[in-house]
Amino acid sequence: MKLSLSLPNVKTMQRPPSQQQNKVRIIAGEYRSRKLEFPSLEGLRPTSDRIRETLFSWLQDSIPGEACLDLFAGSGALGLEALSRGAARVDFIEKNTLAANAIRNNVDRLGAKHGNVYCADALQWLDQNAQSANRYGLIFLDPPFQEQLLAATIAKLETTTILKEGCLVYIEKQEQTIVDGMPGNWTEIKNKKAGSVRYSLYQVAT
């Protein structure tokens, strides 16, 4: 008797688009060249290697021993790069459950004990932690471009007590995006363009 074996359709074995994994590498430090996996999600746009190399060149003397906040963490690449380079603590805020779980998995795989992941909306998290005893010397602010969240987030940060004196804030946005009402105590100290992306580093006098 012949047995008829039917092979599964290859297409049915592929991950749905929302669960397909992408990779980004850590550039330098303790976890240099390690690959981070993150899901394909709308609006999730990891900072490119080129921009990260420039940014962390700017920050090389500011990261060791610092507490960092990675708002709109996405792939977690910025915060994990900071941990690799000696940050004392990084708190990752990401509202998408798949993305937040991927960051947790990468933190665990790297053995990065000082990375804390919170699955939460960034603005709501800031409201809930506005008077927290935690203070941050470095904040990564790279929200999804299409959601126009920069101005609201900057205004919200100004209502909190979580910024250390002289806190550095990294901002990444589309070139054409204009942020109205930048606080007068935020001084832009670095600024560069890569393709359609403008990225800047601010220092905050609290």
N, C-alpha and C. Protein backbone atom coordinates (compact mmCIF):
# COMPACT_ATOMS: atom_id res chain seq x y z
N MET A 1 0.85 -1.18 0.00
CA MET A 1 0.00 0.00 0.00
C MET A 1 0.88 1.23 0.00
N LYS A 2 0.61 2.15 -0.90
CA LYS A 2 1.37 3.39 -0.98
C LYS A 2 0.80 4.41 0.00
N LEU A 3 1.73 5.10 0.63
CA LEU A 3 1.32 6.19 1.50
C LEU A 3 1.55 7.51 0.76
N SER A 4 0.57 8.33 0.74
CA SER A 4 0.68 9.62 0.08
C SER A 4 1.01 10.67 1.13
N LEU A 5 2.19 11.25 1.01
CA LEU A 5 2.62 12.26 1.96
C LEU A 5 2.43 13.64 1.35
N SER A 6 1.74 14.50 2.04
CA SER A 6 1.55 15.86 1.55
C SER A 6 2.47 16.80 2.32
N LEU A 7 3.26 17.53 1.58
CA LEU A 7 4.18 18.47 2.21
C LEU A 7 3.46 19.76 2.54
N PRO A 8 3.76 20.36 3.68
CA PRO A 8 3.09 21.62 4.04
C PRO A 8 3.45 22.72 3.06
N ASN A 9 2.50 23.55 2.79
CA ASN A 9 2.73 24.70 1.93
C ASN A 9 3.75 25.60 2.59
N VAL A 10 4.83 25.93 1.87
CA VAL A 10 5.89 26.74 2.45
C VAL A 10 5.36 28.07 2.97
N LYS A 11 4.40 28.64 2.23
CA LYS A 11 3.88 29.93 2.63
C LYS A 11 3.22 29.89 4.00
N THR A 12 2.58 28.74 4.32
CA THR A 12 1.88 28.65 5.60
C THR A 12 2.85 28.52 6.76
N MET A 13 4.12 28.18 6.46
CA MET A 13 5.09 28.02 7.53
C MET A 13 5.85 29.30 7.83
N GLN A 14 5.70 30.30 7.01
CA GLN A 14 6.37 31.56 7.26
C GLN A 14 5.69 32.30 8.40
N ARG A 15 6.48 33.08 9.12
CA ARG A 15 5.89 33.91 10.17
C ARG A 15 5.04 34.99 9.53
N PRO A 16 3.92 35.32 10.14
CA PRO A 16 3.17 36.47 9.64
C PRO A 16 4.05 37.70 9.71
N PRO A 17 3.79 38.70 8.84
CA PRO A 17 4.65 39.87 8.79
C PRO A 17 4.92 40.51 10.14
N SER A 18 3.91 40.56 11.02
CA SER A 18 4.09 41.23 12.31
C SER A 18 5.05 40.48 13.22
N GLN A 19 5.37 39.19 12.88
CA GLN A 19 6.24 38.41 13.74
C GLN A 19 7.58 38.09 13.09
N GLN A 20 7.80 38.54 11.87
CA GLN A 20 9.09 38.31 11.24
C GLN A 20 10.16 39.08 12.01
N GLN A 21 11.35 38.49 12.09
CA GLN A 21 12.40 39.08 12.90
C GLN A 21 13.42 39.81 12.03
N ASN A 22 13.80 41.00 12.47
CA ASN A 22 14.88 41.75 11.87
C ASN A 22 16.04 41.77 12.86
N LYS A 23 17.19 42.21 12.38
CA LYS A 23 18.36 42.22 13.25
C LYS A 23 19.11 43.53 13.12
N VAL A 24 19.70 43.95 14.23
CA VAL A 24 20.59 45.10 14.26
C VAL A 24 21.75 44.73 15.18
N ARG A 25 22.93 45.26 14.90
CA ARG A 25 24.08 44.86 15.70
C ARG A 25 24.48 45.96 16.66
N ILE A 26 25.06 45.55 17.78
CA ILE A 26 25.64 46.51 18.72
C ILE A 26 27.02 46.88 18.20
N ILE A 27 27.33 48.16 18.20
CA ILE A 27 28.53 48.64 17.53
C ILE A 27 29.79 48.46 18.37
N ALA A 28 29.73 48.80 19.66
CA ALA A 28 30.96 48.78 20.46
C ALA A 28 30.64 48.48 21.92
N GLY A 29 31.70 48.26 22.69
CA GLY A 29 31.54 48.02 24.11
C GLY A 29 31.50 46.55 24.48
N GLU A 30 30.95 46.25 25.65
CA GLU A 30 30.94 44.89 26.19
C GLU A 30 30.24 43.91 25.27
N TYR A 31 29.19 44.35 24.59
CA TYR A 31 28.40 43.45 23.73
C TYR A 31 28.68 43.69 22.25
N ARG A 32 29.81 44.21 21.94
CA ARG A 32 30.17 44.56 20.56
C ARG A 32 29.91 43.40 19.59
N SER A 33 29.27 43.76 18.47
CA SER A 33 28.96 42.84 17.36
C SER A 33 27.86 41.84 17.67
N ARG A 34 27.29 41.87 18.87
CA ARG A 34 26.16 40.99 19.15
C ARG A 34 24.95 41.45 18.36
N LYS A 35 24.16 40.50 17.88
CA LYS A 35 22.98 40.80 17.07
C LYS A 35 21.73 40.85 17.94
N LEU A 36 20.92 41.88 17.72
CA LEU A 36 19.64 42.02 18.42
C LEU A 36 18.52 41.72 17.45
N GLU A 37 17.58 40.90 17.87
CA GLU A 37 16.42 40.59 17.03
C GLU A 37 15.23 41.43 17.47
N PHE A 38 14.47 41.91 16.49
CA PHE A 38 13.25 42.67 16.81
C PHE A 38 12.23 42.40 15.71
N PRO A 39 10.95 42.48 16.03
CA PRO A 39 9.90 42.14 15.07
C PRO A 39 9.66 43.25 14.04
N SER A 40 9.09 42.86 12.91
CA SER A 40 8.68 43.83 11.90
C SER A 40 7.33 44.39 12.31
N LEU A 41 7.33 45.66 12.69
CA LEU A 41 6.11 46.31 13.14
C LEU A 41 6.03 47.69 12.49
N GLU A 42 4.82 48.09 12.17
CA GLU A 42 4.64 49.41 11.57
C GLU A 42 5.13 50.50 12.52
N GLY A 43 5.96 51.40 12.00
CA GLY A 43 6.48 52.50 12.81
C GLY A 43 7.74 52.16 13.57
N LEU A 44 8.14 50.88 13.61
CA LEU A 44 9.35 50.50 14.33
C LEU A 44 10.52 50.68 13.37
N ARG A 45 11.38 51.65 13.67
CA ARG A 45 12.43 52.06 12.76
C ARG A 45 13.72 52.25 13.55
N PRO A 46 14.54 51.20 13.65
CA PRO A 46 15.74 51.34 14.46
C PRO A 46 16.70 52.38 13.88
N THR A 47 17.35 53.12 14.76
CA THR A 47 18.35 54.09 14.34
C THR A 47 19.45 53.38 13.58
N SER A 48 19.83 53.92 12.43
CA SER A 48 20.80 53.26 11.56
C SER A 48 22.18 53.18 12.21
N ASP A 49 23.00 52.23 11.73
CA ASP A 49 24.37 52.10 12.22
C ASP A 49 25.12 53.42 12.07
N ARG A 50 24.94 54.06 10.93
CA ARG A 50 25.67 55.30 10.65
C ARG A 50 25.35 56.37 11.69
N ILE A 51 24.07 56.54 11.99
CA ILE A 51 23.67 57.55 12.97
C ILE A 51 24.12 57.14 14.36
N ARG A 52 23.97 55.86 14.71
CA ARG A 52 24.38 55.42 16.04
C ARG A 52 25.87 55.61 16.26
N GLU A 53 26.67 55.36 15.23
CA GLU A 53 28.11 55.57 15.37
C GLU A 53 28.43 57.03 15.68
N THR A 54 27.76 57.95 14.99
CA THR A 54 27.97 59.37 15.26
C THR A 54 27.47 59.74 16.65
N LEU A 55 26.25 59.31 16.97
CA LEU A 55 25.66 59.64 18.27
C LEU A 55 26.55 59.18 19.42
N PHE A 56 27.00 57.93 19.38
CA PHE A 56 27.76 57.41 20.51
C PHE A 56 29.20 57.92 20.51
N SER A 57 29.64 58.46 19.40
CA SER A 57 30.89 59.20 19.41
C SER A 57 30.71 60.50 20.18
N TRP A 58 29.55 61.16 19.99
CA TRP A 58 29.24 62.36 20.77
C TRP A 58 29.17 62.05 22.26
N LEU A 59 28.64 60.87 22.58
CA LEU A 59 28.30 60.53 23.97
C LEU A 59 29.37 59.72 24.71
N GLN A 60 30.47 59.44 24.06
CA GLN A 60 31.40 58.45 24.60
C GLN A 60 31.88 58.75 26.02
N ASP A 61 31.98 60.04 26.38
CA ASP A 61 32.44 60.38 27.74
C ASP A 61 31.28 60.57 28.72
N SER A 62 30.05 60.49 28.23
CA SER A 62 28.88 60.79 29.07
C SER A 62 28.14 59.56 29.53
N ILE A 63 28.39 58.40 28.93
CA ILE A 63 27.59 57.21 29.22
C ILE A 63 28.06 56.43 30.44
N PRO A 64 29.36 56.18 30.63
CA PRO A 64 29.77 55.31 31.75
C PRO A 64 29.21 55.77 33.09
N GLY A 65 28.51 54.85 33.77
CA GLY A 65 27.96 55.11 35.08
C GLY A 65 26.67 55.92 35.10
N GLU A 66 26.11 56.23 33.91
CA GLU A 66 24.93 57.08 33.84
C GLU A 66 23.64 56.27 33.81
N ALA A 67 22.57 56.88 34.34
CA ALA A 67 21.23 56.31 34.23
C ALA A 67 20.56 56.88 32.99
N CYS A 68 20.03 55.99 32.15
CA CYS A 68 19.48 56.39 30.85
C CYS A 68 18.02 55.97 30.73
N LEU A 69 17.28 56.74 29.95
CA LEU A 69 15.88 56.46 29.69
C LEU A 69 15.69 56.38 28.18
N ASP A 70 15.21 55.23 27.70
CA ASP A 70 14.97 55.02 26.27
C ASP A 70 13.46 55.04 26.04
N LEU A 71 12.92 56.24 25.80
CA LEU A 71 11.50 56.38 25.52
C LEU A 71 11.22 55.95 24.08
N PHE A 72 10.04 55.40 23.84
CA PHE A 72 9.70 54.88 22.51
C PHE A 72 10.82 53.94 22.05
N ALA A 73 11.15 52.96 22.88
CA ALA A 73 12.39 52.19 22.70
C ALA A 73 12.44 51.40 21.40
N GLY A 74 11.29 50.94 20.88
CA GLY A 74 11.29 50.23 19.59
C GLY A 74 12.12 48.97 19.63
N SER A 75 13.21 48.95 18.88
CA SER A 75 14.09 47.78 18.86
C SER A 75 14.96 47.70 20.12
N GLY A 76 15.07 48.82 20.85
CA GLY A 76 15.94 48.86 22.02
C GLY A 76 17.39 49.09 21.69
N ALA A 77 17.71 49.36 20.42
CA ALA A 77 19.10 49.45 19.99
C ALA A 77 19.87 50.56 20.70
N LEU A 78 19.23 51.71 20.92
CA LEU A 78 19.94 52.82 21.56
C LEU A 78 20.25 52.50 23.02
N GLY A 79 19.25 52.02 23.74
CA GLY A 79 19.47 51.70 25.15
C GLY A 79 20.45 50.56 25.35
N LEU A 80 20.38 49.54 24.50
CA LEU A 80 21.30 48.41 24.63
C LEU A 80 22.72 48.80 24.25
N GLU A 81 22.86 49.70 23.29
CA GLU A 81 24.19 50.22 22.97
C GLU A 81 24.76 50.98 24.17
N ALA A 82 23.89 51.74 24.85
CA ALA A 82 24.34 52.47 26.05
C ALA A 82 24.78 51.50 27.15
N LEU A 83 24.01 50.42 27.37
CA LEU A 83 24.41 49.41 28.35
C LEU A 83 25.74 48.78 27.98
N SER A 84 25.92 48.51 26.69
CA SER A 84 27.17 47.91 26.23
C SER A 84 28.36 48.81 26.53
N ARG A 85 28.11 50.12 26.53
CA ARG A 85 29.19 51.09 26.72
C ARG A 85 29.30 51.59 28.17
N GLY A 86 28.63 50.91 29.09
CA GLY A 86 28.89 51.18 30.50
C GLY A 86 27.84 51.97 31.25
N ALA A 87 26.64 52.15 30.68
CA ALA A 87 25.58 52.83 31.42
C ALA A 87 25.26 52.03 32.69
N ALA A 88 24.99 52.75 33.78
CA ALA A 88 24.68 52.09 35.04
C ALA A 88 23.31 51.45 35.01
N ARG A 89 22.36 52.07 34.27
CA ARG A 89 21.00 51.55 34.17
C ARG A 89 20.34 52.14 32.94
N VAL A 90 19.53 51.33 32.28
CA VAL A 90 18.70 51.84 31.19
C VAL A 90 17.28 51.34 31.40
N ASP A 91 16.33 52.28 31.42
CA ASP A 91 14.92 51.94 31.49
C ASP A 91 14.33 52.11 30.09
N PHE A 92 13.79 51.01 29.56
CA PHE A 92 13.21 50.99 28.22
C PHE A 92 11.69 51.13 28.34
N ILE A 93 11.10 52.08 27.62
CA ILE A 93 9.66 52.27 27.62
C ILE A 93 9.15 51.99 26.21
N GLU A 94 8.30 50.99 26.05
CA GLU A 94 7.79 50.60 24.74
C GLU A 94 6.37 50.07 24.90
N LYS A 95 5.40 50.66 24.19
CA LYS A 95 4.01 50.27 24.40
C LYS A 95 3.60 49.02 23.62
N ASN A 96 4.29 48.68 22.54
CA ASN A 96 3.93 47.50 21.78
C ASN A 96 4.43 46.24 22.48
N THR A 97 3.52 45.31 22.75
CA THR A 97 3.88 44.12 23.53
C THR A 97 4.94 43.28 22.85
N LEU A 98 4.81 43.07 21.53
CA LEU A 98 5.80 42.27 20.80
C LEU A 98 7.18 42.91 20.88
N ALA A 99 7.24 44.23 20.68
CA ALA A 99 8.52 44.92 20.71
C ALA A 99 9.11 44.90 22.11
N ALA A 100 8.27 45.13 23.13
CA ALA A 100 8.76 45.11 24.51
C ALA A 100 9.30 43.73 24.88
N ASN A 101 8.60 42.67 24.47
CA ASN A 101 9.07 41.32 24.74
C ASN A 101 10.39 41.03 24.04
N ALA A 102 10.55 41.55 22.82
CA ALA A 102 11.81 41.36 22.09
C ALA A 102 12.96 42.04 22.82
N ILE A 103 12.71 43.25 23.36
CA ILE A 103 13.76 43.92 24.13
C ILE A 103 14.12 43.10 25.36
N ARG A 104 13.10 42.60 26.06
CA ARG A 104 13.37 41.75 27.24
C ARG A 104 14.22 40.54 26.85
N ASN A 105 13.88 39.91 25.73
CA ASN A 105 14.64 38.74 25.28
C ASN A 105 16.09 39.11 25.00
N ASN A 106 16.30 40.28 24.37
CA ASN A 106 17.67 40.70 24.07
C ASN A 106 18.44 41.06 25.34
N VAL A 107 17.77 41.70 26.29
CA VAL A 107 18.40 42.00 27.58
C VAL A 107 18.84 40.70 28.25
N ASP A 108 17.96 39.69 28.23
CA ASP A 108 18.29 38.40 28.85
C ASP A 108 19.42 37.69 28.12
N ARG A 109 19.36 37.71 26.79
CA ARG A 109 20.40 37.03 26.00
C ARG A 109 21.77 37.66 26.23
N LEU A 110 21.81 38.97 26.37
CA LEU A 110 23.08 39.66 26.59
C LEU A 110 23.54 39.54 28.04
N GLY A 111 22.63 39.20 28.94
CA GLY A 111 22.96 39.20 30.36
C GLY A 111 23.11 40.62 30.89
N ALA A 112 22.36 41.54 30.31
CA ALA A 112 22.44 42.96 30.69
C ALA A 112 21.57 43.20 31.92
N LYS A 113 22.13 43.02 33.08
CA LYS A 113 21.37 43.02 34.33
C LYS A 113 20.74 44.37 34.66
N HIS A 114 21.25 45.43 34.09
CA HIS A 114 20.77 46.76 34.46
C HIS A 114 19.83 47.35 33.42
N GLY A 115 19.23 46.49 32.60
CA GLY A 115 18.22 46.92 31.65
C GLY A 115 16.83 46.55 32.15
N ASN A 116 15.95 47.54 32.28
CA ASN A 116 14.59 47.33 32.78
C ASN A 116 13.59 47.71 31.69
N VAL A 117 12.69 46.81 31.35
CA VAL A 117 11.76 47.02 30.25
C VAL A 117 10.34 47.20 30.79
N TYR A 118 9.69 48.29 30.37
CA TYR A 118 8.32 48.58 30.78
C TYR A 118 7.45 48.66 29.53
N CYS A 119 6.44 47.80 29.49
CA CYS A 119 5.49 47.83 28.37
C CYS A 119 4.43 48.87 28.72
N ALA A 120 4.62 50.08 28.20
CA ALA A 120 3.74 51.19 28.58
C ALA A 120 3.80 52.28 27.52
N ASP A 121 2.74 53.07 27.45
CA ASP A 121 2.73 54.25 26.62
C ASP A 121 3.68 55.28 27.23
N ALA A 122 4.55 55.87 26.42
CA ALA A 122 5.59 56.76 26.95
C ALA A 122 5.02 57.96 27.70
N LEU A 123 3.99 58.60 27.14
CA LEU A 123 3.42 59.78 27.79
C LEU A 123 2.74 59.41 29.10
N GLN A 124 2.03 58.28 29.11
CA GLN A 124 1.39 57.84 30.34
C GLN A 124 2.44 57.46 31.39
N TRP A 125 3.50 56.82 30.94
CA TRP A 125 4.58 56.44 31.87
C TRP A 125 5.19 57.69 32.50
N LEU A 126 5.40 58.74 31.70
CA LEU A 126 5.94 59.99 32.24
C LEU A 126 4.98 60.60 33.26
N ASP A 127 3.68 60.54 32.98
CA ASP A 127 2.70 61.04 33.95
C ASP A 127 2.81 60.29 35.28
N GLN A 128 2.92 58.96 35.18
CA GLN A 128 2.94 58.13 36.38
C GLN A 128 4.25 58.25 37.16
N ASN A 129 5.32 58.65 36.48
CA ASN A 129 6.64 58.72 37.12
C ASN A 129 7.18 60.15 37.19
N ALA A 130 6.28 61.12 37.07
CA ALA A 130 6.69 62.52 37.00
C ALA A 130 7.51 62.96 38.21
N GLN A 131 7.18 62.43 39.38
CA GLN A 131 7.87 62.82 40.62
C GLN A 131 8.74 61.68 41.16
N SER A 132 9.14 60.79 40.29
CA SER A 132 9.95 59.64 40.71
C SER A 132 11.29 60.10 41.28
N ALA A 133 11.80 59.29 42.19
CA ALA A 133 13.13 59.57 42.75
C ALA A 133 14.23 59.26 41.76
N ASN A 134 13.91 58.48 40.73
CA ASN A 134 14.90 58.17 39.69
C ASN A 134 15.22 59.42 38.89
N ARG A 135 16.49 59.65 38.62
CA ARG A 135 16.93 60.77 37.81
C ARG A 135 17.76 60.24 36.65
N TYR A 136 17.58 60.84 35.49
CA TYR A 136 18.29 60.39 34.30
C TYR A 136 19.23 61.47 33.78
N GLY A 137 20.43 61.03 33.42
CA GLY A 137 21.40 61.95 32.84
C GLY A 137 21.42 61.90 31.33
N LEU A 138 20.73 60.90 30.75
CA LEU A 138 20.69 60.75 29.30
C LEU A 138 19.34 60.16 28.90
N ILE A 139 18.67 60.82 27.95
CA ILE A 139 17.37 60.36 27.47
C ILE A 139 17.41 60.24 25.96
N PHE A 140 16.94 59.10 25.45
CA PHE A 140 16.81 58.89 24.01
C PHE A 140 15.36 59.14 23.63
N LEU A 141 15.14 60.03 22.70
CA LEU A 141 13.79 60.44 22.32
C LEU A 141 13.64 60.30 20.81
N ASP A 142 13.09 59.15 20.40
CA ASP A 142 12.99 58.82 18.97
C ASP A 142 11.63 58.19 18.71
N PRO A 143 10.54 58.98 18.80
CA PRO A 143 9.20 58.42 18.61
C PRO A 143 8.91 58.10 17.16
N PRO A 144 7.90 57.27 16.89
CA PRO A 144 7.51 57.00 15.49
C PRO A 144 7.25 58.31 14.75
N PHE A 145 7.86 58.46 13.59
CA PHE A 145 7.77 59.72 12.86
C PHE A 145 6.32 60.14 12.59
N GLN A 146 5.50 59.15 12.19
CA GLN A 146 4.15 59.49 11.71
C GLN A 146 3.22 59.93 12.82
N GLU A 147 3.60 59.73 14.08
CA GLU A 147 2.69 60.04 15.18
C GLU A 147 2.85 61.44 15.77
N GLN A 148 3.86 62.17 15.32
CA GLN A 148 4.01 63.58 15.73
C GLN A 148 3.97 63.74 17.26
N LEU A 149 4.83 63.01 17.94
CA LEU A 149 4.79 62.99 19.40
C LEU A 149 5.89 63.81 20.07
N LEU A 150 6.80 64.36 19.29
CA LEU A 150 7.96 65.02 19.89
C LEU A 150 7.58 66.19 20.80
N ALA A 151 6.78 67.12 20.27
CA ALA A 151 6.45 68.31 21.04
C ALA A 151 5.75 67.95 22.35
N ALA A 152 4.80 67.01 22.27
CA ALA A 152 4.06 66.61 23.47
C ALA A 152 4.98 65.95 24.49
N THR A 153 5.92 65.15 24.01
CA THR A 153 6.82 64.45 24.93
C THR A 153 7.79 65.41 25.60
N ILE A 154 8.32 66.36 24.83
CA ILE A 154 9.23 67.35 25.40
C ILE A 154 8.50 68.18 26.45
N ALA A 155 7.28 68.60 26.13
CA ALA A 155 6.49 69.38 27.09
C ALA A 155 6.23 68.56 28.36
N LYS A 156 5.96 67.27 28.18
CA LYS A 156 5.69 66.40 29.34
C LYS A 156 6.95 66.23 30.19
N LEU A 157 8.11 66.05 29.54
CA LEU A 157 9.36 65.92 30.28
C LEU A 157 9.62 67.15 31.16
N GLU A 158 9.23 68.32 30.66
CA GLU A 158 9.45 69.55 31.39
C GLU A 158 8.60 69.64 32.66
N THR A 159 7.55 68.83 32.75
CA THR A 159 6.69 68.84 33.95
C THR A 159 7.17 67.85 35.00
N THR A 160 8.19 67.07 34.69
CA THR A 160 8.68 66.04 35.61
C THR A 160 9.89 66.52 36.39
N THR A 161 10.31 65.69 37.34
CA THR A 161 11.54 65.98 38.10
C THR A 161 12.61 64.92 37.81
N ILE A 162 12.47 64.19 36.70
CA ILE A 162 13.35 63.04 36.46
C ILE A 162 14.63 63.41 35.70
N LEU A 163 14.76 64.65 35.24
CA LEU A 163 15.96 65.05 34.51
C LEU A 163 17.01 65.59 35.48
N LYS A 164 18.19 65.02 35.42
CA LYS A 164 19.29 65.57 36.20
C LYS A 164 19.70 66.92 35.64
N GLU A 165 20.34 67.72 36.46
CA GLU A 165 20.92 68.96 35.97
C GLU A 165 21.94 68.63 34.88
N GLY A 166 21.81 69.29 33.74
CA GLY A 166 22.73 69.02 32.62
C GLY A 166 22.38 67.78 31.84
N CYS A 167 21.17 67.23 32.05
CA CYS A 167 20.74 66.02 31.33
C CYS A 167 20.90 66.20 29.82
N LEU A 168 21.37 65.16 29.15
CA LEU A 168 21.49 65.16 27.70
C LEU A 168 20.27 64.45 27.11
N VAL A 169 19.67 65.06 26.09
CA VAL A 169 18.51 64.47 25.42
C VAL A 169 18.81 64.34 23.93
N TYR A 170 18.77 63.10 23.45
CA TYR A 170 18.95 62.84 22.02
C TYR A 170 17.59 62.84 21.34
N ILE A 171 17.47 63.60 20.25
CA ILE A 171 16.22 63.69 19.50
C ILE A 171 16.46 63.30 18.05
N GLU A 172 15.63 62.40 17.55
CA GLU A 172 15.70 61.98 16.15
C GLU A 172 14.34 62.23 15.49
N LYS A 173 14.35 62.89 14.34
CA LYS A 173 13.10 63.24 13.69
C LYS A 173 13.30 63.35 12.19
N GLN A 174 12.18 63.43 11.47
CA GLN A 174 12.26 63.69 10.04
C GLN A 174 12.75 65.10 9.81
N GLU A 175 13.52 65.27 8.74
CA GLU A 175 14.12 66.57 8.44
C GLU A 175 13.09 67.69 8.43
N GLN A 176 11.90 67.43 7.87
CA GLN A 176 10.91 68.50 7.71
C GLN A 176 10.09 68.77 8.97
N THR A 177 10.26 67.94 10.02
CA THR A 177 9.47 68.12 11.23
C THR A 177 9.96 69.33 12.02
N ILE A 178 9.05 70.22 12.34
CA ILE A 178 9.37 71.39 13.15
C ILE A 178 8.74 71.19 14.53
N VAL A 179 9.55 71.31 15.56
CA VAL A 179 9.05 71.16 16.93
C VAL A 179 8.81 72.56 17.49
N ASP A 180 7.55 72.90 17.65
CA ASP A 180 7.20 74.21 18.19
C ASP A 180 7.38 74.24 19.71
N GLY A 181 7.82 75.39 20.20
CA GLY A 181 7.87 75.58 21.65
C GLY A 181 8.97 74.82 22.35
N MET A 182 10.16 74.70 21.72
CA MET A 182 11.27 74.08 22.44
C MET A 182 11.57 74.90 23.69
N PRO A 183 11.72 74.25 24.84
CA PRO A 183 11.98 74.99 26.09
C PRO A 183 13.26 75.82 26.00
N GLY A 184 13.23 76.98 26.61
CA GLY A 184 14.39 77.87 26.56
C GLY A 184 15.60 77.33 27.29
N ASN A 185 15.38 76.37 28.21
CA ASN A 185 16.50 75.80 28.96
C ASN A 185 17.10 74.56 28.28
N TRP A 186 16.64 74.25 27.06
CA TRP A 186 17.20 73.16 26.27
C TRP A 186 18.14 73.77 25.23
N THR A 187 19.41 73.47 25.33
CA THR A 187 20.41 74.02 24.41
C THR A 187 20.89 72.94 23.45
N GLU A 188 20.75 73.18 22.17
CA GLU A 188 21.23 72.22 21.18
C GLU A 188 22.75 72.32 21.09
N ILE A 189 23.44 71.20 21.34
CA ILE A 189 24.90 71.21 21.32
C ILE A 189 25.47 70.41 20.15
N LYS A 190 24.65 69.55 19.54
CA LYS A 190 25.07 68.79 18.36
C LYS A 190 23.89 68.67 17.42
N ASN A 191 24.18 68.62 16.13
CA ASN A 191 23.11 68.54 15.14
C ASN A 191 23.69 67.99 13.85
N LYS A 192 23.00 67.01 13.26
CA LYS A 192 23.49 66.44 12.01
C LYS A 192 22.33 65.85 11.23
N LYS A 193 22.56 65.65 9.94
CA LYS A 193 21.53 65.12 9.05
C LYS A 193 22.07 63.88 8.35
N ALA A 194 21.19 62.88 8.20
CA ALA A 194 21.52 61.67 7.44
C ALA A 194 20.31 61.32 6.59
N GLY A 195 20.41 61.54 5.28
CA GLY A 195 19.26 61.32 4.41
C GLY A 195 18.13 62.25 4.80
N SER A 196 16.96 61.69 5.09
CA SER A 196 15.80 62.51 5.46
C SER A 196 15.66 62.65 6.98
N VAL A 197 16.67 62.20 7.72
CA VAL A 197 16.61 62.22 9.18
C VAL A 197 17.51 63.32 9.74
N ARG A 198 16.97 64.09 10.66
CA ARG A 198 17.74 65.08 11.41
C ARG A 198 17.87 64.59 12.84
N TYR A 199 19.08 64.57 13.37
CA TYR A 199 19.27 64.13 14.75
C TYR A 199 20.11 65.13 15.52
N SER A 200 19.75 65.34 16.77
CA SER A 200 20.33 66.40 17.56
C SER A 200 20.56 65.94 19.00
N LEU A 201 21.47 66.62 19.65
CA LEU A 201 21.73 66.37 21.08
C LEU A 201 21.55 67.69 21.82
N TYR A 202 20.69 67.65 22.85
CA TYR A 202 20.39 68.83 23.65
C TYR A 202 20.91 68.63 25.06
N GLN A 203 21.27 69.74 25.70
CA GLN A 203 21.59 69.71 27.13
C GLN A 203 20.56 70.56 27.86
N VAL A 204 20.07 70.03 28.98
CA VAL A 204 18.95 70.67 29.69
C VAL A 204 19.45 71.26 31.00
N ALA A 205 19.17 72.53 31.18
CA ALA A 205 19.43 73.19 32.46
C ALA A 205 18.14 73.14 33.27
N THR A 206 18.14 72.40 34.39
CA THR A 206 16.90 72.23 35.17
C THR A 206 16.79 73.29 36.26
